[in-house]
Amino acid sequence: MSTPINFKAIEPKILYFGTPVALITTIDADGKANTGPMSSVWALGWTLMLGLECSSKTYQNLLEQKECVINFPSSSLFDKIEKIANLTGAYPIPDYKKGRYKYDPDKFESGGFTTLPSELVKPPRIAECPLQFEAILKNVLVIDDDPVEASEIAAVAVRILKVHADERLIVDGKHIDPKKWDPLIYNFRHYYGLGDELGKTFKAEI
């Protein structure tokens, strides 16, 4: 007989219960590329929902240019992701980020990432990420009443136009082999692959 579960109501600061990490690449009005890590992403068909802070450079660029690339890193890239986790392309730095974030106009260089040209959109792909989705903006839902977020956030729907995959991950010519794909997972602010914990983000409190 299994042991009964005793539940307790809690109010955690974050609800990142285990989602993939993605690097979103965008371009600004001057054609300069930006990349930003995020961990609120899920797919429904060929539409992806992205959770973004409205004050972020990624969000601002996406609204203006209406294009992006969603790059999915493997678990081995967690240290590169964390190198840019406390960097922002937004200037001036939003008030709620001051003291914890630094302005960086080139997070590609800071993270050690290499750009690749996309085929259907202007923002570049990231060569080190084994999966890359070119996309265009569909819809935006701004959330301005969240009880814990320090700024407005948005649920952004993008339509996937083209998928690029490391050929070593492909099976039957068009499918991703789940036995070979090892995504980087963000689990309550700690990084995991599909196995042991790899490390934690600078914002983790435990």
Protein backbone atom coordinates (compact mmCIF):
# COMPACT_ATOMS: atom_id res chain seq x y z
CA MET A 1 0.00 0.00 0.00
CA SER A 2 1.43 3.39 -0.99
CA THR A 3 2.08 6.08 1.60
CA PRO A 4 -0.61 8.79 1.51
CA ILE A 5 0.45 12.28 0.43
CA ASN A 6 -0.02 15.08 2.92
CA PHE A 7 -0.46 18.35 1.06
CA LYS A 8 0.33 21.85 2.30
CA ALA A 9 -0.62 25.12 0.62
CA ILE A 10 2.42 27.29 -0.19
CA GLU A 11 3.16 30.51 -2.08
CA PRO A 12 6.47 30.04 -3.93
CA LYS A 13 8.08 33.09 -5.54
CA ILE A 14 8.38 31.37 -8.91
CA LEU A 15 6.47 28.60 -10.66
CA TYR A 16 9.13 27.31 -13.07
CA PHE A 17 8.28 23.68 -12.43
CA GLY A 18 10.53 22.35 -15.20
CA THR A 19 10.56 23.98 -18.63
CA PRO A 20 13.12 24.07 -21.44
CA VAL A 21 15.60 26.92 -21.67
CA ALA A 22 15.64 28.85 -24.95
CA LEU A 23 17.76 31.64 -26.36
CA ILE A 24 15.62 34.10 -28.33
CA THR A 25 17.46 36.05 -31.01
CA THR A 26 16.00 39.28 -32.38
CA ILE A 27 17.22 42.38 -34.17
CA ASP A 28 16.60 46.05 -33.40
CA ALA A 29 15.65 48.88 -35.74
CA ASP A 30 19.32 49.38 -36.65
CA GLY A 31 19.79 45.74 -37.58
CA LYS A 32 21.83 44.87 -34.48
CA ALA A 33 21.25 41.36 -33.16
CA ASN A 34 20.37 40.57 -29.55
CA THR A 35 19.92 37.32 -27.70
CA GLY A 36 18.20 36.65 -24.41
CA PRO A 37 17.70 33.49 -22.36
CA MET A 38 14.20 32.60 -21.26
CA SER A 39 12.46 29.63 -19.68
CA SER A 40 8.74 30.09 -20.33
CA VAL A 41 8.09 28.37 -23.63
CA TRP A 42 5.68 25.70 -24.85
CA ALA A 43 4.46 24.45 -28.20
CA LEU A 44 1.02 23.83 -29.64
CA GLY A 45 1.31 22.59 -33.20
CA TRP A 46 3.64 24.98 -35.00
CA THR A 47 2.81 27.83 -32.64
CA LEU A 48 5.06 28.58 -29.69
CA MET A 49 4.05 30.57 -26.63
CA LEU A 50 6.83 32.67 -25.15
CA GLY A 51 6.71 34.28 -21.71
CA LEU A 52 8.67 37.55 -21.81
CA GLU A 53 9.21 40.64 -19.67
CA CYS A 54 7.82 43.68 -21.44
CA SER A 55 10.86 45.77 -20.48
CA SER A 56 13.31 43.31 -22.05
CA LYS A 57 15.16 44.10 -25.26
CA THR A 58 13.98 40.76 -26.66
CA TYR A 59 10.33 41.71 -26.24
CA GLN A 60 10.81 45.23 -27.59
CA ASN A 61 12.67 43.98 -30.67
CA LEU A 62 10.11 41.26 -31.32
CA LEU A 63 7.22 43.73 -31.23
CA GLU A 64 9.02 46.15 -33.54
CA GLN A 65 10.47 43.72 -36.09
CA LYS A 66 7.98 40.85 -35.67
CA GLU A 67 10.61 38.14 -36.19
CA CYS A 68 12.79 35.96 -33.98
CA VAL A 69 14.65 32.68 -33.73
CA ILE A 70 14.07 30.36 -30.78
CA ASN A 71 17.31 28.47 -30.17
CA PHE A 72 17.23 25.44 -27.87
CA PRO A 73 20.53 24.60 -26.14
CA SER A 74 21.54 21.13 -25.03
CA SER A 75 22.28 20.60 -21.35
CA SER A 76 26.03 20.91 -21.96
CA LEU A 77 25.58 24.64 -22.64
CA PHE A 78 24.24 25.56 -19.20
CA ASP A 79 27.44 27.41 -18.24
CA LYS A 80 27.23 29.60 -21.36
CA ILE A 81 23.59 30.39 -20.59
CA GLU A 82 24.43 31.38 -17.05
CA LYS A 83 27.21 33.70 -18.27
CA ILE A 84 24.57 35.96 -19.83
CA ALA A 85 21.75 35.35 -17.35
CA ASN A 86 22.41 38.62 -15.49
CA LEU A 87 23.05 40.69 -18.63
CA THR A 88 20.50 42.85 -20.40
CA GLY A 89 20.42 44.52 -23.78
CA ALA A 90 17.93 47.11 -22.49
CA TYR A 91 19.39 50.57 -21.87
CA PRO A 92 18.82 52.27 -19.58
CA ILE A 93 18.54 49.25 -17.31
CA PRO A 94 14.98 48.94 -15.94
CA ASP A 95 14.76 50.04 -12.31
CA TYR A 96 13.80 46.61 -10.99
CA LYS A 97 16.91 45.09 -12.62
CA LYS A 98 19.40 47.64 -11.32
CA GLY A 99 21.97 46.15 -8.96
CA ARG A 100 21.44 42.59 -10.24
CA TYR A 101 21.84 43.02 -13.99
CA LYS A 102 24.49 44.65 -16.17
CA TYR A 103 24.02 46.26 -19.55
CA ASP A 104 25.70 44.33 -22.36
CA PRO A 105 25.26 45.30 -26.02
CA ASP A 106 26.79 42.02 -27.29
CA LYS A 107 25.67 38.96 -25.35
CA PHE A 108 26.74 36.71 -28.21
CA GLU A 109 30.37 37.51 -27.48
CA SER A 110 29.91 37.45 -23.71
CA GLY A 111 28.33 34.00 -23.82
CA GLY A 112 30.70 32.64 -26.45
CA PHE A 113 27.97 32.09 -29.03
CA THR A 114 28.39 31.99 -32.80
CA THR A 115 25.76 33.44 -35.15
CA LEU A 116 24.46 31.70 -38.27
CA PRO A 117 22.29 33.36 -40.93
CA SER A 118 18.63 32.38 -40.93
CA GLU A 119 16.77 31.49 -44.12
CA LEU A 120 13.37 33.16 -43.71
CA VAL A 121 13.85 35.79 -40.98
CA LYS A 122 16.48 38.45 -40.28
CA PRO A 123 17.55 37.50 -36.71
CA PRO A 124 20.47 35.04 -36.67
CA ARG A 125 20.51 31.50 -35.39
CA ILE A 126 22.95 30.32 -32.71
CA ALA A 127 25.35 27.70 -34.03
CA GLU A 128 25.93 26.03 -30.66
CA CYS A 129 22.22 25.23 -30.18
CA PRO A 130 21.22 21.90 -31.77
CA LEU A 131 17.62 23.05 -32.42
CA GLN A 132 16.66 26.39 -33.97
CA PHE A 133 13.15 27.59 -34.85
CA GLU A 134 12.69 30.56 -37.18
CA ALA A 135 9.46 32.37 -36.32
CA ILE A 136 7.24 35.39 -36.87
CA LEU A 137 5.03 37.23 -34.37
CA LYS A 138 1.34 36.29 -34.18
CA ASN A 139 -0.31 37.67 -31.02
CA VAL A 140 0.56 39.31 -27.71
CA LEU A 141 -1.27 39.19 -24.40
CA VAL A 142 0.12 41.67 -21.86
CA ILE A 143 -0.24 40.61 -18.21
CA ASP A 144 -0.13 43.62 -15.90
CA ASP A 145 -1.81 42.23 -12.79
CA ASP A 146 0.54 39.42 -11.74
CA PRO A 147 0.95 39.44 -7.93
CA VAL A 148 4.70 38.69 -7.88
CA GLU A 149 6.22 40.02 -11.12
CA ALA A 150 8.11 43.31 -10.74
CA SER A 151 7.13 44.51 -14.21
CA GLU A 152 4.59 43.85 -16.93
CA ILE A 153 4.98 40.49 -18.64
CA ALA A 154 3.52 39.12 -21.84
CA ALA A 155 2.45 35.84 -23.36
CA VAL A 156 3.69 36.05 -26.95
CA ALA A 157 2.50 33.67 -29.68
CA VAL A 158 4.87 33.09 -32.59
CA ARG A 159 4.38 30.95 -35.70
CA ILE A 160 7.24 28.61 -36.58
CA LEU A 161 8.33 28.91 -40.21
CA LYS A 162 11.35 26.61 -40.34
CA VAL A 163 13.07 24.15 -38.01
CA HIS A 164 16.81 23.49 -38.13
CA ALA A 165 18.22 20.46 -36.31
CA ASP A 166 21.64 18.93 -35.80
CA GLU A 167 21.61 16.02 -38.26
CA ARG A 168 22.86 13.72 -35.50
CA LEU A 169 19.51 14.18 -33.74
CA ILE A 170 17.37 13.36 -36.77
CA VAL A 171 15.75 9.98 -37.31
CA ASP A 172 13.68 8.92 -40.35
CA GLY A 173 14.59 12.12 -42.12
CA LYS A 174 12.23 14.42 -40.21
CA HIS A 175 11.89 13.42 -36.55
CA ILE A 176 13.98 14.33 -33.51
CA ASP A 177 15.28 11.23 -31.74
CA PRO A 178 14.34 11.75 -28.05
CA LYS A 179 17.07 9.33 -27.03
CA LYS A 180 19.68 11.68 -28.45
CA TRP A 181 18.15 15.07 -27.65
CA ASP A 182 19.21 16.33 -24.22
CA PRO A 183 17.47 19.69 -23.61
CA LEU A 184 18.53 22.11 -20.91
CA ILE A 185 15.72 22.20 -18.32
CA TYR A 186 15.03 25.06 -15.89
CA ASN A 187 13.64 23.45 -12.74
CA PHE A 188 12.75 25.98 -9.99
CA ARG A 189 15.79 28.06 -11.01
CA HIS A 190 18.15 25.11 -11.16
CA TYR A 191 19.55 23.71 -14.40
CA TYR A 192 19.05 20.07 -15.30
CA GLY A 193 19.48 17.84 -18.30
CA LEU A 194 17.42 14.69 -18.40
CA GLY A 195 19.40 13.42 -15.44
CA ASP A 196 21.38 14.91 -12.57
CA GLU A 197 21.38 18.59 -11.65
CA LEU A 198 24.00 20.60 -13.52
CA GLY A 199 24.03 23.87 -11.61
CA LYS A 200 21.78 26.77 -10.65
CA THR A 201 21.07 30.30 -11.82
CA PHE A 202 22.27 33.38 -9.97
CA LYS A 203 18.66 34.06 -8.89
CA ALA A 204 18.22 30.74 -7.11
CA GLU A 205 17.60 31.12 -3.38
CA ILE A 206 18.14 27.47 -2.39
